[in-house]
Amino acid sequence: RLCPNEETALFSRLTPGTRLKPHCGPTNLHLTCHLGLEVPTGCRLRVGRKWRTWQPGKCLVFDDSYEHEVQHHGDSTRIVLLVRFWHPQVPLEQREALLAQRLKQRKLKDWTLLS
């Protein structure tokens, strides 16, 4: 079961010439996996100081709380399956507490909007 805003699975498509500027995820509670599907030459991902390239059928797993960026200097579309999931070192009890807290905040926000 995927939890909205906590775990995500989607196809990420980048066209030639695209650059995702350096950015960081909000916390280190999650890991991100990119499974290379369509991987032209000239595409690369930097996490921290290390540059990596995708390979078809292979996964790159990283903590997106570290600064990362993507550059696509290739000549065809790059497609990866992007999966974001809980870091395995986050205990189940902590995950449940965080989800309950966020649900409570959403309900409070919804109630505030109705007032």
Foldseek 3Di string as FASTA:
>chain_A
DDDPPAKDKDKDKDAAFDKFDKDADPDQFKKKKWAWADFFPQKWKDFAHDIDGHDHRDIDIGRRRTIMMMHHNGHGMTIIIMIMHGDPVQDPVNVVVVVVVVVVVVVVVVVVVVD
